[in-house]
Amino acid sequence: MAENKLTPLQQVEADRKAAAAAKVNKSSRIFSDEEKATRKERVGKAKDALTRSVGMKGDHVVAGRAALKKYLQQMNEPNQPDDQRFEMLVEAPFKAPPKKRDNNRGF
């Protein structure tokens, strides 16, 4: 059993070769014109929201901007948010979360 185990260097080399082979065999995803238009519109909206939220302050702004950046980085992944969820992403830096109410009245 010890004979089959790879050393860390052999494992790294095997992983590199596997990644190179996967890259060669990878088929590119083809987008229809409708999908291209939708993607282009969403990228424009996301970038606009990022530029408009530059000078804003608050924890919700930081989280909203991070979500938009993550969305832009993962545009080519298969699971994309639907229209309603995307609109929530775009508006996230501009909507402050409701404040927590303190119901302690000192009784």
Protein backbone atom coordinates (compact mmCIF):
# COMPACT_ATOMS: atom_id res chain seq x y z
CA MET A 1 0.00 0.00 0.00
CA ALA A 2 2.92 2.32 0.74
CA GLU A 3 4.22 1.77 -2.80
CA ASN A 4 1.14 3.39 -4.40
CA LYS A 5 1.31 6.55 -2.34
CA LEU A 6 2.78 9.55 -4.16
CA THR A 7 5.28 11.89 -2.63
CA PRO A 8 4.18 15.53 -2.38
CA LEU A 9 6.37 16.44 -5.35
CA GLN A 10 4.92 13.61 -7.45
CA GLN A 11 1.40 14.66 -6.44
CA VAL A 12 2.03 18.26 -7.49
CA GLU A 13 3.40 17.07 -10.84
CA ALA A 14 0.43 14.74 -11.38
CA ASP A 15 -2.00 17.57 -10.54
CA ARG A 16 -0.20 19.90 -12.96
CA LYS A 17 -0.37 17.34 -15.77
CA ALA A 18 -4.06 16.66 -15.06
CA ALA A 19 -4.84 20.39 -15.14
CA ALA A 20 -2.95 20.80 -18.42
CA ALA A 21 -4.83 17.87 -19.96
CA ALA A 22 -8.16 19.25 -18.77
CA LYS A 23 -7.32 22.63 -20.25
CA VAL A 24 -6.54 21.07 -23.64
CA ASN A 25 -9.74 18.99 -23.66
CA LYS A 26 -11.96 21.81 -22.41
CA SER A 27 -14.75 22.78 -24.76
CA SER A 28 -15.65 26.44 -24.73
CA ARG A 29 -19.17 27.38 -23.84
CA ILE A 30 -21.06 29.12 -26.62
CA PHE A 31 -23.48 31.88 -25.65
CA SER A 32 -26.48 32.87 -27.75
CA ASP A 33 -27.00 36.49 -28.78
CA GLU A 34 -29.73 36.84 -26.16
CA GLU A 35 -27.43 35.55 -23.42
CA LYS A 36 -24.66 37.87 -24.59
CA ALA A 37 -26.99 40.86 -24.43
CA THR A 38 -28.19 39.90 -20.95
CA ARG A 39 -24.63 39.41 -19.72
CA LYS A 40 -23.50 42.72 -21.19
CA GLU A 41 -26.42 44.55 -19.58
CA ARG A 42 -25.76 42.94 -16.19
CA VAL A 43 -22.05 43.76 -16.33
CA GLY A 44 -22.92 47.37 -17.13
CA LYS A 45 -25.36 47.59 -14.21
CA ALA A 46 -22.91 45.95 -11.80
CA LYS A 47 -20.05 48.23 -12.80
CA ASP A 48 -22.32 51.28 -12.56
CA ALA A 49 -23.38 50.26 -9.04
CA LEU A 50 -19.73 49.81 -8.06
CA THR A 51 -18.76 53.26 -9.34
CA ARG A 52 -21.74 54.96 -7.69
CA SER A 53 -21.03 53.33 -4.33
CA VAL A 54 -17.36 54.35 -4.12
CA GLY A 55 -17.71 57.17 -1.57
CA MET A 56 -20.41 55.56 0.57
CA LYS A 57 -19.81 54.31 4.09
CA GLY A 58 -21.24 51.49 6.13
CA ASP A 59 -20.89 47.76 6.61
CA HIS A 60 -23.68 47.10 4.13
CA VAL A 61 -21.73 48.99 1.44
CA VAL A 62 -18.64 46.84 1.93
CA ALA A 63 -20.66 43.63 1.79
CA GLY A 64 -22.66 44.79 -1.24
CA ARG A 65 -19.56 45.82 -3.16
CA ALA A 66 -17.90 42.49 -2.34
CA ALA A 67 -20.95 40.61 -3.64
CA LEU A 68 -20.90 42.60 -6.88
CA LYS A 69 -17.18 41.98 -7.36
CA LYS A 70 -17.67 38.26 -6.73
CA TYR A 71 -20.51 38.24 -9.27
CA LEU A 72 -18.29 39.87 -11.90
CA GLN A 73 -15.47 37.40 -11.19
CA GLN A 74 -17.78 34.41 -11.58
CA MET A 75 -19.61 35.49 -14.75
CA ASN A 76 -18.58 32.36 -16.65
CA GLU A 77 -19.76 29.87 -14.08
CA PRO A 78 -22.99 28.02 -14.90
CA ASN A 79 -25.05 29.02 -11.85
CA GLN A 80 -26.06 32.65 -12.31
CA PRO A 81 -28.65 34.49 -10.21
CA ASP A 82 -32.08 35.13 -11.66
CA ASP A 83 -33.23 38.66 -12.47
CA GLN A 84 -34.78 39.36 -9.05
CA ARG A 85 -31.69 38.19 -7.17
CA PHE A 86 -29.42 40.18 -9.49
CA GLU A 87 -31.42 43.36 -8.82
CA MET A 88 -30.98 42.73 -5.09
CA LEU A 89 -27.21 42.45 -5.67
CA VAL A 90 -27.12 45.74 -7.56
CA GLU A 91 -29.13 47.60 -4.90
CA ALA A 92 -27.31 46.06 -1.90
CA PRO A 93 -24.71 48.84 -1.45
CA PHE A 94 -27.42 51.52 -1.44
CA LYS A 95 -29.96 50.01 0.96
CA ALA A 96 -29.06 50.23 4.61
CA PRO A 97 -30.30 47.27 6.64
CA PRO A 98 -33.08 48.02 9.12
CA LYS A 99 -31.80 49.04 12.53
CA LYS A 100 -32.19 46.60 15.37
CA ARG A 101 -34.77 47.70 17.88
CA ASP A 102 -34.02 47.47 21.51
CA ASN A 103 -37.12 46.48 23.46
CA ASN A 104 -35.48 46.86 26.87
CA ARG A 105 -37.37 49.64 28.63
CA GLY A 106 -35.52 49.35 31.91
CA PHE A 107 -38.15 47.47 33.89
